[in-house]
Amino acid sequence: GNVICLDILRTLAKEPLAAETLRAELQAATGSDP
């Protein structure tokens, strides 16, 4: 678990496209459930 969580932080810090695609996936559901 700790290794994976640190890897998540590294990926989001070093790969802007990873953060961007994740943000798009999250935004796709907005407006449907408050």
PDB file of all heavy atoms in Angstrom:
ATOM      1  N   GLY A   1       0.791  -1.231   0.000  1.00  0.00           N
ATOM      2  CA  GLY A   1       0.000   0.000   0.000  1.00  0.00           C
ATOM      3  C   GLY A   1       0.818   1.272   0.000  1.00  0.00           C
ATOM      4  O   GLY A   1       0.557   2.200  -0.778  1.00  0.00           O
ATOM      5  N   ASN A   2       1.819   1.356   0.861  1.00  0.00           N
ATOM      6  CA  ASN A   2       2.618   2.580   0.912  1.00  0.00           C
ATOM      7  C   ASN A   2       3.402   2.808  -0.370  1.00  0.00           C
ATOM      8  O   ASN A   2       3.513   3.942  -0.860  1.00  0.00           O
ATOM      9  CB  ASN A   2       3.592   2.512   2.098  1.00  0.00           C
ATOM     10  CG  ASN A   2       2.886   2.721   3.422  1.00  0.00           C
ATOM     11  OD1 ASN A   2       1.693   2.988   3.472  1.00  0.00           O
ATOM     12  ND2 ASN A   2       3.625   2.573   4.510  1.00  0.00           N
ATOM     13  N   VAL A   3       3.945   1.722  -0.936  1.00  0.00           N
ATOM     14  CA  VAL A   3       4.689   1.843  -2.191  1.00  0.00           C
ATOM     15  C   VAL A   3       3.774   2.371  -3.296  1.00  0.00           C
ATOM     16  O   VAL A   3       4.161   3.262  -4.072  1.00  0.00           O
ATOM     17  CB  VAL A   3       5.288   0.483  -2.583  1.00  0.00           C
ATOM     18  CG1 VAL A   3       5.886   0.527  -3.988  1.00  0.00           C
ATOM     19  CG2 VAL A   3       6.355   0.058  -1.580  1.00  0.00           C
ATOM     20  N   ILE A   4       2.567   1.841  -3.376  1.00  0.00           N
ATOM     21  CA  ILE A   4       1.641   2.275  -4.417  1.00  0.00           C
ATOM     22  C   ILE A   4       1.234   3.730  -4.212  1.00  0.00           C
ATOM     23  O   ILE A   4       1.162   4.519  -5.175  1.00  0.00           O
ATOM     24  CB  ILE A   4       0.398   1.363  -4.437  1.00  0.00           C
ATOM     25  CG1 ILE A   4       0.790  -0.057  -4.837  1.00  0.00           C
ATOM     26  CG2 ILE A   4      -0.666   1.908  -5.409  1.00  0.00           C
ATOM     27  CD1 ILE A   4       1.386  -0.188  -6.211  1.00  0.00           C
ATOM     28  N   CYS A   5       0.968   4.122  -2.967  1.00  0.00           N
ATOM     29  CA  CYS A   5       0.562   5.512  -2.729  1.00  0.00           C
ATOM     30  C   CYS A   5       1.672   6.497  -3.090  1.00  0.00           C
ATOM     31  O   CYS A   5       1.415   7.566  -3.670  1.00  0.00           O
ATOM     32  CB  CYS A   5       0.146   5.685  -1.277  1.00  0.00           C
ATOM     33  SG  CYS A   5      -1.451   4.934  -0.890  1.00  0.00           S
ATOM     34  N   LEU A   6       2.898   6.153  -2.765  1.00  0.00           N
ATOM     35  CA  LEU A   6       4.014   7.018  -3.152  1.00  0.00           C
ATOM     36  C   LEU A   6       4.176   7.051  -4.666  1.00  0.00           C
ATOM     37  O   LEU A   6       4.524   8.101  -5.244  1.00  0.00           O
ATOM     38  CB  LEU A   6       5.301   6.544  -2.483  1.00  0.00           C
ATOM     39  CG  LEU A   6       5.323   6.663  -0.952  1.00  0.00           C
ATOM     40  CD1 LEU A   6       6.602   6.050  -0.392  1.00  0.00           C
ATOM     41  CD2 LEU A   6       5.184   8.121  -0.530  1.00  0.00           C
ATOM     42  N   ASP A   7       3.905   5.926  -5.326  1.00  0.00           N
ATOM     43  CA  ASP A   7       3.962   5.887  -6.779  1.00  0.00           C
ATOM     44  C   ASP A   7       2.875   6.773  -7.386  1.00  0.00           C
ATOM     45  O   ASP A   7       3.092   7.433  -8.411  1.00  0.00           O
ATOM     46  CB  ASP A   7       3.809   4.448  -7.264  1.00  0.00           C
ATOM     47  CG  ASP A   7       4.071   4.308  -8.754  1.00  0.00           C
ATOM     48  OD1 ASP A   7       5.121   4.777  -9.220  1.00  0.00           O
ATOM     49  OD2 ASP A   7       3.213   3.743  -9.450  1.00  0.00           O
ATOM     50  N   ILE A   8       1.694   6.801  -6.775  1.00  0.00           N
ATOM     51  CA  ILE A   8       0.619   7.682  -7.235  1.00  0.00           C
ATOM     52  C   ILE A   8       1.070   9.138  -7.166  1.00  0.00           C
ATOM     53  O   ILE A   8       0.874   9.919  -8.112  1.00  0.00           O
ATOM     54  CB  ILE A   8      -0.645   7.452  -6.398  1.00  0.00           C
ATOM     55  CG1 ILE A   8      -1.269   6.089  -6.744  1.00  0.00           C
ATOM     56  CG2 ILE A   8      -1.669   8.574  -6.598  1.00  0.00           C
ATOM     57  CD1 ILE A   8      -2.342   5.642  -5.785  1.00  0.00           C
ATOM     58  N   LEU A   9       1.695   9.519  -6.056  1.00  0.00           N
ATOM     59  CA  LEU A   9       2.177  10.902  -5.933  1.00  0.00           C
ATOM     60  C   LEU A   9       3.240  11.213  -6.973  1.00  0.00           C
ATOM     61  O   LEU A   9       3.225  12.301  -7.586  1.00  0.00           O
ATOM     62  CB  LEU A   9       2.729  11.139  -4.523  1.00  0.00           C
ATOM     63  CG  LEU A   9       1.758  11.012  -3.349  1.00  0.00           C
ATOM     64  CD1 LEU A   9       2.420  11.495  -2.061  1.00  0.00           C
ATOM     65  CD2 LEU A   9       0.474  11.796  -3.604  1.00  0.00           C
ATOM     66  N   ARG A  10       4.172  10.281  -7.199  1.00  0.00           N
ATOM     67  CA  ARG A  10       5.220  10.507  -8.200  1.00  0.00           C
ATOM     68  C   ARG A  10       4.627  10.636  -9.598  1.00  0.00           C
ATOM     69  O   ARG A  10       5.039  11.499 -10.387  1.00  0.00           O
ATOM     70  CB  ARG A  10       6.236   9.365  -8.164  1.00  0.00           C
ATOM     71  CG  ARG A  10       7.254   9.454  -7.056  1.00  0.00           C
ATOM     72  CD  ARG A  10       8.403   8.476  -7.286  1.00  0.00           C
ATOM     73  NE  ARG A  10       7.944   7.093  -7.275  1.00  0.00           N
ATOM     74  CZ  ARG A  10       7.870   6.352  -6.186  1.00  0.00           C
ATOM     75  NH1 ARG A  10       8.236   6.846  -5.018  1.00  0.00           N
ATOM     76  NH2 ARG A  10       7.449   5.097  -6.251  1.00  0.00           N
ATOM     77  N   THR A  11       3.674   9.789  -9.924  1.00  0.00           N
ATOM     78  CA  THR A  11       3.071   9.838 -11.255  1.00  0.00           C
ATOM     79  C   THR A  11       2.376  11.173 -11.486  1.00  0.00           C
ATOM     80  O   THR A  11       2.535  11.805 -12.548  1.00  0.00           O
ATOM     81  CB  THR A  11       2.072   8.685 -11.427  1.00  0.00           C
ATOM     82  OG1 THR A  11       2.763   7.442 -11.284  1.00  0.00           O
ATOM     83  CG2 THR A  11       1.404   8.731 -12.790  1.00  0.00           C
ATOM     84  N   LEU A  12       1.611  11.623 -10.515  1.00  0.00           N
ATOM     85  CA  LEU A  12       0.894  12.895 -10.675  1.00  0.00           C
ATOM     86  C   LEU A  12       1.858  14.080 -10.711  1.00  0.00           C
ATOM     87  O   LEU A  12       1.582  15.087 -11.376  1.00  0.00           O
ATOM     88  CB  LEU A  12      -0.116  13.067  -9.542  1.00  0.00           C
ATOM     89  CG  LEU A  12      -1.289  12.076  -9.561  1.00  0.00           C
ATOM     90  CD1 LEU A  12      -2.163  12.253  -8.327  1.00  0.00           C
ATOM     91  CD2 LEU A  12      -2.129  12.253 -10.834  1.00  0.00           C
ATOM     92  N   ALA A  13       2.997  13.957 -10.019  1.00  0.00           N
ATOM     93  CA  ALA A  13       3.963  15.059  -9.999  1.00  0.00           C
ATOM     94  C   ALA A  13       4.769  15.136 -11.289  1.00  0.00           C
ATOM     95  O   ALA A  13       5.061  16.232 -11.787  1.00  0.00           O
ATOM     96  CB  ALA A  13       4.908  14.900  -8.811  1.00  0.00           C
ATOM     97  N   LYS A  14       5.089  13.972 -11.862  1.00  0.00           N
ATOM     98  CA  LYS A  14       6.017  13.935 -12.996  1.00  0.00           C
ATOM     99  C   LYS A  14       5.316  13.826 -14.344  1.00  0.00           C
ATOM    100  O   LYS A  14       5.949  14.055 -15.377  1.00  0.00           O
ATOM    101  CB  LYS A  14       6.993  12.770 -12.827  1.00  0.00           C
ATOM    102  CG  LYS A  14       7.934  12.935 -11.640  1.00  0.00           C
ATOM    103  CD  LYS A  14       8.923  11.774 -11.561  1.00  0.00           C
ATOM    104  CE  LYS A  14       9.907  11.948 -10.416  1.00  0.00           C
ATOM    105  NZ  LYS A  14      10.894  10.842 -10.343  1.00  0.00           N
ATOM    106  N   GLU A  15       4.058  13.426 -14.347  1.00  0.00           N
ATOM    107  CA  GLU A  15       3.358  13.216 -15.607  1.00  0.00           C
ATOM    108  C   GLU A  15       2.085  14.062 -15.651  1.00  0.00           C
ATOM    109  O   GLU A  15       1.016  13.612 -15.225  1.00  0.00           O
ATOM    110  CB  GLU A  15       3.016  11.742 -15.791  1.00  0.00           C
ATOM    111  CG  GLU A  15       4.231  10.828 -15.827  1.00  0.00           C
ATOM    112  CD  GLU A  15       3.872   9.391 -16.173  1.00  0.00           C
ATOM    113  OE1 GLU A  15       2.962   9.191 -17.003  1.00  0.00           O
ATOM    114  OE2 GLU A  15       4.487   8.481 -15.606  1.00  0.00           O
ATOM    115  N   PRO A  16       2.187  15.281 -16.145  1.00  0.00           N
ATOM    116  CA  PRO A  16       1.003  16.148 -16.203  1.00  0.00           C
ATOM    117  C   PRO A  16      -0.162  15.510 -16.954  1.00  0.00           C
ATOM    118  O   PRO A  16      -1.330  15.750 -16.606  1.00  0.00           O
ATOM    119  CB  PRO A  16       1.524  17.390 -16.929  1.00  0.00           C
ATOM    120  CG  PRO A  16       2.999  17.387 -16.690  1.00  0.00           C
ATOM    121  CD  PRO A  16       3.395  15.950 -16.639  1.00  0.00           C
ATOM    122  N   LEU A  17       0.146  14.686 -17.970  1.00  0.00           N
ATOM    123  CA  LEU A  17      -0.935  14.074 -18.730  1.00  0.00           C
ATOM    124  C   LEU A  17      -1.709  13.072 -17.881  1.00  0.00           C
ATOM    125  O   LEU A  17      -2.920  12.894 -18.070  1.00  0.00           O
ATOM    126  CB  LEU A  17      -0.375  13.397 -19.978  1.00  0.00           C
ATOM    127  CG  LEU A  17      -1.395  12.948 -21.035  1.00  0.00           C
ATOM    128  CD1 LEU A  17      -2.301  14.094 -21.463  1.00  0.00           C
ATOM    129  CD2 LEU A  17      -0.677  12.351 -22.237  1.00  0.00           C
ATOM    130  N   ALA A  18      -1.053  12.410 -16.942  1.00  0.00           N
ATOM    131  CA  ALA A  18      -1.762  11.490 -16.050  1.00  0.00           C
ATOM    132  C   ALA A  18      -2.758  12.256 -15.190  1.00  0.00           C
ATOM    133  O   ALA A  18      -3.916  11.841 -15.014  1.00  0.00           O
ATOM    134  CB  ALA A  18      -0.770  10.732 -15.172  1.00  0.00           C
ATOM    135  N   ALA A  19      -2.323  13.371 -14.646  1.00  0.00           N
ATOM    136  CA  ALA A  19      -3.232  14.195 -13.845  1.00  0.00           C
ATOM    137  C   ALA A  19      -4.375  14.736 -14.692  1.00  0.00           C
ATOM    138  O   ALA A  19      -5.537  14.786 -14.245  1.00  0.00           O
ATOM    139  CB  ALA A  19      -2.453  15.340 -13.204  1.00  0.00           C
ATOM    140  N   GLU A  20      -4.067  15.108 -15.915  1.00  0.00           N
ATOM    141  CA  GLU A  20      -5.089  15.659 -16.805  1.00  0.00           C
ATOM    142  C   GLU A  20      -6.139  14.616 -17.176  1.00  0.00           C
ATOM    143  O   GLU A  20      -7.346  14.889 -17.154  1.00  0.00           O
ATOM    144  CB  GLU A  20      -4.403  16.198 -18.064  1.00  0.00           C
ATOM    145  CG  GLU A  20      -5.340  16.830 -19.071  1.00  0.00           C
ATOM    146  CD  GLU A  20      -4.610  17.303 -20.318  1.00  0.00           C
ATOM    147  OE1 GLU A  20      -3.467  17.797 -20.174  1.00  0.00           O
ATOM    148  OE2 GLU A  20      -5.173  17.175 -21.421  1.00  0.00           O
ATOM    149  N   THR A  21      -5.711  13.418 -17.512  1.00  0.00           N
ATOM    150  CA  THR A  21      -6.681  12.383 -17.893  1.00  0.00           C
ATOM    151  C   THR A  21      -7.522  11.942 -16.692  1.00  0.00           C
ATOM    152  O   THR A  21      -8.715  11.648 -16.828  1.00  0.00           O
ATOM    153  CB  THR A  21      -5.974  11.166 -18.495  1.00  0.00           C
ATOM    154  OG1 THR A  21      -4.994  10.663 -17.571  1.00  0.00           O
ATOM    155  CG2 THR A  21      -5.292  11.526 -19.801  1.00  0.00           C
ATOM    156  N   LEU A  22      -6.908  11.886 -15.506  1.00  0.00           N
ATOM    157  CA  LEU A  22      -7.663  11.554 -14.303  1.00  0.00           C
ATOM    158  C   LEU A  22      -8.698  12.637 -14.009  1.00  0.00           C
ATOM    159  O   LEU A  22      -9.862  12.332 -13.685  1.00  0.00           O
ATOM    160  CB  LEU A  22      -6.704  11.404 -13.121  1.00  0.00           C
ATOM    161  CG  LEU A  22      -7.342  11.113 -11.769  1.00  0.00           C
ATOM    162  CD1 LEU A  22      -8.143   9.816 -11.803  1.00  0.00           C
ATOM    163  CD2 LEU A  22      -6.268  11.053 -10.675  1.00  0.00           C
ATOM    164  N   ARG A  23      -8.303  13.879 -14.152  1.00  0.00           N
ATOM    165  CA  ARG A  23      -9.239  14.986 -13.924  1.00  0.00           C
ATOM    166  C   ARG A  23     -10.413  14.909 -14.892  1.00  0.00           C
ATOM    167  O   ARG A  23     -11.576  15.117 -14.509  1.00  0.00           O
ATOM    168  CB  ARG A  23      -8.507  16.321 -14.077  1.00  0.00           C
ATOM    169  CG  ARG A  23      -9.319  17.548 -13.651  1.00  0.00           C
ATOM    170  CD  ARG A  23      -8.519  18.827 -13.824  1.00  0.00           C
ATOM    171  NE  ARG A  23      -7.226  18.752 -13.167  1.00  0.00           N
ATOM    172  CZ  ARG A  23      -6.069  18.738 -13.792  1.00  0.00           C
ATOM    173  NH1 ARG A  23      -6.028  18.771 -15.126  1.00  0.00           N
ATOM    174  NH2 ARG A  23      -4.938  18.686 -13.124  1.00  0.00           N
ATOM    175  N   ALA A  24     -10.147  14.575 -16.143  1.00  0.00           N
ATOM    176  CA  ALA A  24     -11.221  14.480 -17.130  1.00  0.00           C
ATOM    177  C   ALA A  24     -12.191  13.358 -16.780  1.00  0.00           C
ATOM    178  O   ALA A  24     -13.413  13.496 -16.940  1.00  0.00           O
ATOM    179  CB  ALA A  24     -10.624  14.252 -18.515  1.00  0.00           C
ATOM    180  N   GLU A  25     -11.651  12.230 -16.300  1.00  0.00           N
ATOM    181  CA  GLU A  25     -12.505  11.104 -15.913  1.00  0.00           C
ATOM    182  C   GLU A  25     -13.401  11.474 -14.732  1.00  0.00           C
ATOM    183  O   GLU A  25     -14.564  11.071 -14.654  1.00  0.00           O
ATOM    184  CB  GLU A  25     -11.637   9.900 -15.563  1.00  0.00           C
ATOM    185  CG  GLU A  25     -12.365   8.577 -15.532  1.00  0.00           C
ATOM    186  CD  GLU A  25     -12.708   8.034 -16.912  1.00  0.00           C
ATOM    187  OE1 GLU A  25     -12.019   8.372 -17.887  1.00  0.00           O
ATOM    188  OE2 GLU A  25     -13.672   7.255 -16.999  1.00  0.00           O
ATOM    189  N   LEU A  26     -12.874  12.257 -13.811  1.00  0.00           N
ATOM    190  CA  LEU A  26     -13.657  12.687 -12.661  1.00  0.00           C
ATOM    191  C   LEU A  26     -14.699  13.732 -13.055  1.00  0.00           C
ATOM    192  O   LEU A  26     -15.842  13.701 -12.588  1.00  0.00           O
ATOM    193  CB  LEU A  26     -12.733  13.246 -11.569  1.00  0.00           C
ATOM    194  CG  LEU A  26     -11.744  12.252 -10.944  1.00  0.00           C
ATOM    195  CD1 LEU A  26     -10.777  12.965 -10.013  1.00  0.00           C
ATOM    196  CD2 LEU A  26     -12.481  11.147 -10.207  1.00  0.00           C
ATOM    197  N   GLN A  27     -14.315  14.633 -13.922  1.00  0.00           N
ATOM    198  CA  GLN A  27     -15.238  15.690 -14.332  1.00  0.00           C
ATOM    199  C   GLN A  27     -16.397  15.154 -15.164  1.00  0.00           C
ATOM    200  O   GLN A  27     -17.468  15.770 -15.232  1.00  0.00           O
ATOM    201  CB  GLN A  27     -14.485  16.761 -15.138  1.00  0.00           C
ATOM    202  CG  GLN A  27     -13.514  17.591 -14.327  1.00  0.00           C
ATOM    203  CD  GLN A  27     -14.213  18.533 -13.359  1.00  0.00           C
ATOM    204  OE1 GLN A  27     -15.391  18.845 -13.502  1.00  0.00           O
ATOM    205  NE2 GLN A  27     -13.467  18.997 -12.355  1.00  0.00           N
ATOM    206  N   ALA A  28     -16.207  13.991 -15.783  1.00  0.00           N
ATOM    207  CA  ALA A  28     -17.244  13.450 -16.670  1.00  0.00           C
ATOM    208  C   ALA A  28     -18.545  13.144 -15.948  1.00  0.00           C
ATOM    209  O   ALA A  28     -19.598  13.035 -16.579  1.00  0.00           O
ATOM    210  CB  ALA A  28     -16.722  12.179 -17.352  1.00  0.00           C
ATOM    211  N   ALA A  29     -18.513  12.990 -14.637  1.00  0.00           N
ATOM    212  CA  ALA A  29     -19.727  12.647 -13.886  1.00  0.00           C
ATOM    213  C   ALA A  29     -20.348  13.848 -13.182  1.00  0.00           C
ATOM    214  O   ALA A  29     -21.382  13.700 -12.523  1.00  0.00           O
ATOM    215  CB  ALA A  29     -19.421  11.565 -12.860  1.00  0.00           C
ATOM    216  N   THR A  30     -19.761  15.026 -13.287  1.00  0.00           N
ATOM    217  CA  THR A  30     -20.298  16.174 -12.561  1.00  0.00           C
ATOM    218  C   THR A  30     -21.654  16.582 -13.128  1.00  0.00           C
ATOM    219  O   THR A  30     -21.952  16.379 -14.308  1.00  0.00           O
ATOM    220  CB  THR A  30     -19.325  17.361 -12.624  1.00  0.00           C
ATOM    221  OG1 THR A  30     -19.039  17.666 -13.986  1.00  0.00           O
ATOM    222  CG2 THR A  30     -18.026  17.031 -11.905  1.00  0.00           C
ATOM    223  N   GLY A  31     -22.472  17.147 -12.268  1.00  0.00           N
ATOM    224  CA  GLY A  31     -23.796  17.609 -12.668  1.00  0.00           C
ATOM    225  C   GLY A  31     -24.881  16.563 -12.559  1.00  0.00           C
ATOM    226  O   GLY A  31     -26.054  16.865 -12.809  1.00  0.00           O
ATOM    227  N   SER A  32     -24.538  15.341 -12.173  1.00  0.00           N
ATOM    228  CA  SER A  32     -25.531  14.263 -12.089  1.00  0.00           C
ATOM    229  C   SER A  32     -25.945  13.940 -10.662  1.00  0.00           C
ATOM    230  O   SER A  32     -27.054  13.462 -10.434  1.00  0.00           O
ATOM    231  CB  SER A  32     -24.989  12.990 -12.750  1.00  0.00           C
ATOM    232  OG  SER A  32     -24.714  13.208 -14.116  1.00  0.00           O
ATOM    233  N   ASP A  33     -25.063  14.172  -9.705  1.00  0.00           N
ATOM    234  CA  ASP A  33     -25.354  13.864  -8.307  1.00  0.00           C
ATOM    235  C   ASP A  33     -24.698  14.932  -7.444  1.00  0.00           C
ATOM    236  O   ASP A  33     -23.468  15.049  -7.437  1.00  0.00           O
ATOM    237  CB  ASP A  33     -24.813  12.471  -7.945  1.00  0.00           C
ATOM    238  CG  ASP A  33     -25.258  11.998  -6.577  1.00  0.00           C
ATOM    239  OD1 ASP A  33     -25.126  12.773  -5.607  1.00  0.00           O
ATOM    240  OD2 ASP A  33     -25.733  10.851  -6.460  1.00  0.00           O
ATOM    241  N   PRO A  34     -25.483  15.706  -6.703  1.00  0.00           N
ATOM    242  CA  PRO A  34     -24.893  16.795  -5.910  1.00  0.00           C
ATOM    243  C   PRO A  34     -23.917  16.298  -4.847  1.00  0.00           C
ATOM    244  O   PRO A  34     -22.981  17.018  -4.478  1.00  0.00           O
ATOM    245  CB  PRO A  34     -26.110  17.469  -5.265  1.00  0.00           C
ATOM    246  CG  PRO A  34     -27.233  16.485  -5.377  1.00  0.00           C
ATOM    247  CD  PRO A  34     -26.950  15.686  -6.604  1.00  0.00           C
TER     248      PRO A  34
END
